[in-house]
Amino acid sequence: MFRPGSRKLTFPGGFSCYTHGLFGEPSLIYTEIMVKQEYFQHGLSVAGARCVLDVGANIGIFTLAVKQQVPEATVYGFRADPGDL
């Protein structure tokens, strides 16, 4: 969601998001999930998933990663902090 003072960030592959925080946090999250694949280690996989819940969703990078691996999956993202909406 765009807020006054937000900046648009565009990552390799064309993924874009708006951030109202520091540039370093989205870059760190992108690197952890998309580059290092840290969320898909130690046997964790979404292969064949039909539905994925992203509880604590931040800026959508995990959703993007899931959709790249399983395009037909439905992903629901939940963000509990109303200050982030």
C-alpha atoms as a PDB file:
ATOM      1  CA  MET A   1       0.000   0.000   0.000  1.00  0.00           C
ATOM      2  CA  PHE A   2       1.331   3.445  -0.887  1.00  0.00           C
ATOM      3  CA  ARG A   3       1.649   6.004   1.894  1.00  0.00           C
ATOM      4  CA  PRO A   4       2.953   9.546   1.716  1.00  0.00           C
ATOM      5  CA  GLY A   5       6.705   9.353   2.177  1.00  0.00           C
ATOM      6  CA  SER A   6       6.910   5.825   0.735  1.00  0.00           C
ATOM      7  CA  ARG A   7       9.530   4.948  -1.831  1.00  0.00           C
ATOM      8  CA  LYS A   8       9.149   2.479  -4.664  1.00  0.00           C
ATOM      9  CA  LEU A   9      11.824  -0.206  -4.768  1.00  0.00           C
ATOM     10  CA  THR A  10      12.413  -2.404  -7.808  1.00  0.00           C
ATOM     11  CA  PHE A  11      14.402  -5.609  -7.447  1.00  0.00           C
ATOM     12  CA  PRO A  12      15.996  -7.879 -10.071  1.00  0.00           C
ATOM     13  CA  GLY A  13      13.352  -9.702 -12.065  1.00  0.00           C
ATOM     14  CA  GLY A  14      11.035  -6.702 -11.941  1.00  0.00           C
ATOM     15  CA  PHE A  15       9.489  -7.185  -8.480  1.00  0.00           C
ATOM     16  CA  SER A  16       8.480  -3.769  -7.142  1.00  0.00           C
ATOM     17  CA  CYS A  17       7.118  -2.708  -3.791  1.00  0.00           C
ATOM     18  CA  TYR A  18       6.636   0.436  -1.772  1.00  0.00           C
ATOM     19  CA  THR A  19       8.402   0.852   1.532  1.00  0.00           C
ATOM     20  CA  HIS A  20       7.972   3.443   4.218  1.00  0.00           C
ATOM     21  CA  GLY A  21      10.876   2.076   6.213  1.00  0.00           C
ATOM     22  CA  LEU A  22      14.553   1.897   5.589  1.00  0.00           C
ATOM     23  CA  PHE A  23      15.770   0.587   2.233  1.00  0.00           C
ATOM     24  CA  GLY A  24      17.995  -1.957   3.988  1.00  0.00           C
ATOM     25  CA  GLU A  25      15.144  -4.020   5.453  1.00  0.00           C
ATOM     26  CA  PRO A  26      13.370  -4.827   2.159  1.00  0.00           C
ATOM     27  CA  SER A  27      16.735  -5.548   0.536  1.00  0.00           C
ATOM     28  CA  LEU A  28      17.644  -7.919   3.368  1.00  0.00           C
ATOM     29  CA  ILE A  29      14.290  -9.719   3.104  1.00  0.00           C
ATOM     30  CA  TYR A  30      14.622  -9.996  -0.681  1.00  0.00           C
ATOM     31  CA  THR A  31      18.140 -11.432  -0.373  1.00  0.00           C
ATOM     32  CA  GLU A  32      17.116 -13.941   2.323  1.00  0.00           C
ATOM     33  CA  ILE A  33      14.098 -15.242   0.417  1.00  0.00           C
ATOM     34  CA  MET A  34      14.861 -14.854  -3.287  1.00  0.00           C
ATOM     35  CA  VAL A  35      18.659 -14.960  -3.526  1.00  0.00           C
ATOM     36  CA  LYS A  36      19.736 -17.236  -0.673  1.00  0.00           C
ATOM     37  CA  GLN A  37      16.474 -19.229  -0.652  1.00  0.00           C
ATOM     38  CA  GLU A  38      16.705 -19.337   3.166  1.00  0.00           C
ATOM     39  CA  TYR A  39      12.978 -20.008   3.554  1.00  0.00           C
ATOM     40  CA  PHE A  40      13.281 -23.163   1.426  1.00  0.00           C
ATOM     41  CA  GLN A  41      16.016 -25.064   3.237  1.00  0.00           C
ATOM     42  CA  HIS A  42      16.145 -28.172   5.404  1.00  0.00           C
ATOM     43  CA  GLY A  43      13.425 -29.941   3.434  1.00  0.00           C
ATOM     44  CA  LEU A  44      10.917 -27.066   3.453  1.00  0.00           C
ATOM     45  CA  SER A  45       9.177 -26.922   0.098  1.00  0.00           C
ATOM     46  CA  VAL A  46       5.984 -25.555  -1.393  1.00  0.00           C
ATOM     47  CA  ALA A  47       6.124 -27.908  -4.390  1.00  0.00           C
ATOM     48  CA  GLY A  48       2.627 -29.163  -5.094  1.00  0.00           C
ATOM     49  CA  ALA A  49       1.022 -26.744  -2.631  1.00  0.00           C
ATOM     50  CA  ARG A  50      -2.500 -25.601  -3.420  1.00  0.00           C
ATOM     51  CA  CYS A  51      -2.784 -23.070  -0.595  1.00  0.00           C
ATOM     52  CA  VAL A  52      -0.071 -21.274   1.390  1.00  0.00           C
ATOM     53  CA  LEU A  53      -0.606 -19.021   4.408  1.00  0.00           C
ATOM     54  CA  ASP A  54       1.952 -16.265   4.890  1.00  0.00           C
ATOM     55  CA  VAL A  55       1.336 -15.341   8.509  1.00  0.00           C
ATOM     56  CA  GLY A  56       3.298 -12.198   9.277  1.00  0.00           C
ATOM     57  CA  ALA A  57       3.470 -11.145   5.640  1.00  0.00           C
ATOM     58  CA  ASN A  58       5.629  -8.100   5.184  1.00  0.00           C
ATOM     59  CA  ILE A  59       6.010  -6.634   1.694  1.00  0.00           C
ATOM     60  CA  GLY A  60       5.074  -9.669  -0.394  1.00  0.00           C
ATOM     61  CA  ILE A  61       8.438 -11.185  -1.221  1.00  0.00           C
ATOM     62  CA  PHE A  62       7.591 -14.617   0.220  1.00  0.00           C
ATOM     63  CA  THR A  63       4.332 -14.575  -1.747  1.00  0.00           C
ATOM     64  CA  LEU A  64       6.338 -13.795  -4.885  1.00  0.00           C
ATOM     65  CA  ALA A  65       8.718 -16.682  -4.152  1.00  0.00           C
ATOM     66  CA  VAL A  66       5.828 -19.113  -3.674  1.00  0.00           C
ATOM     67  CA  LYS A  67       4.098 -17.958  -6.871  1.00  0.00           C
ATOM     68  CA  GLN A  68       7.335 -18.384  -8.840  1.00  0.00           C
ATOM     69  CA  GLN A  69       7.656 -21.965  -7.612  1.00  0.00           C
ATOM     70  CA  VAL A  70       3.947 -22.902  -7.717  1.00  0.00           C
ATOM     71  CA  PRO A  71       2.056 -20.433  -9.935  1.00  0.00           C
ATOM     72  CA  GLU A  72      -1.274 -22.182  -9.415  1.00  0.00           C
ATOM     73  CA  ALA A  73      -1.093 -21.943  -5.606  1.00  0.00           C
ATOM     74  CA  THR A  74      -3.325 -19.525  -3.748  1.00  0.00           C
ATOM     75  CA  VAL A  75      -1.368 -17.488  -1.198  1.00  0.00           C
ATOM     76  CA  TYR A  76      -3.031 -15.644   1.673  1.00  0.00           C
ATOM     77  CA  GLY A  77      -0.878 -13.051   3.444  1.00  0.00           C
ATOM     78  CA  PHE A  78      -1.740 -11.800   6.923  1.00  0.00           C
ATOM     79  CA  ARG A  79      -0.109  -8.848   8.639  1.00  0.00           C
ATOM     80  CA  ALA A  80      -1.081  -8.488  12.295  1.00  0.00           C
ATOM     81  CA  ASP A  81       0.333  -5.022  12.979  1.00  0.00           C
ATOM     82  CA  PRO A  82      -2.376  -2.470  12.092  1.00  0.00           C
ATOM     83  CA  GLY A  83       0.346   0.167  11.895  1.00  0.00           C
ATOM     84  CA  ASP A  84       1.639  -1.560   8.779  1.00  0.00           C
ATOM     85  CA  LEU A  85      -1.641  -1.271   6.901  1.00  0.00           C
END
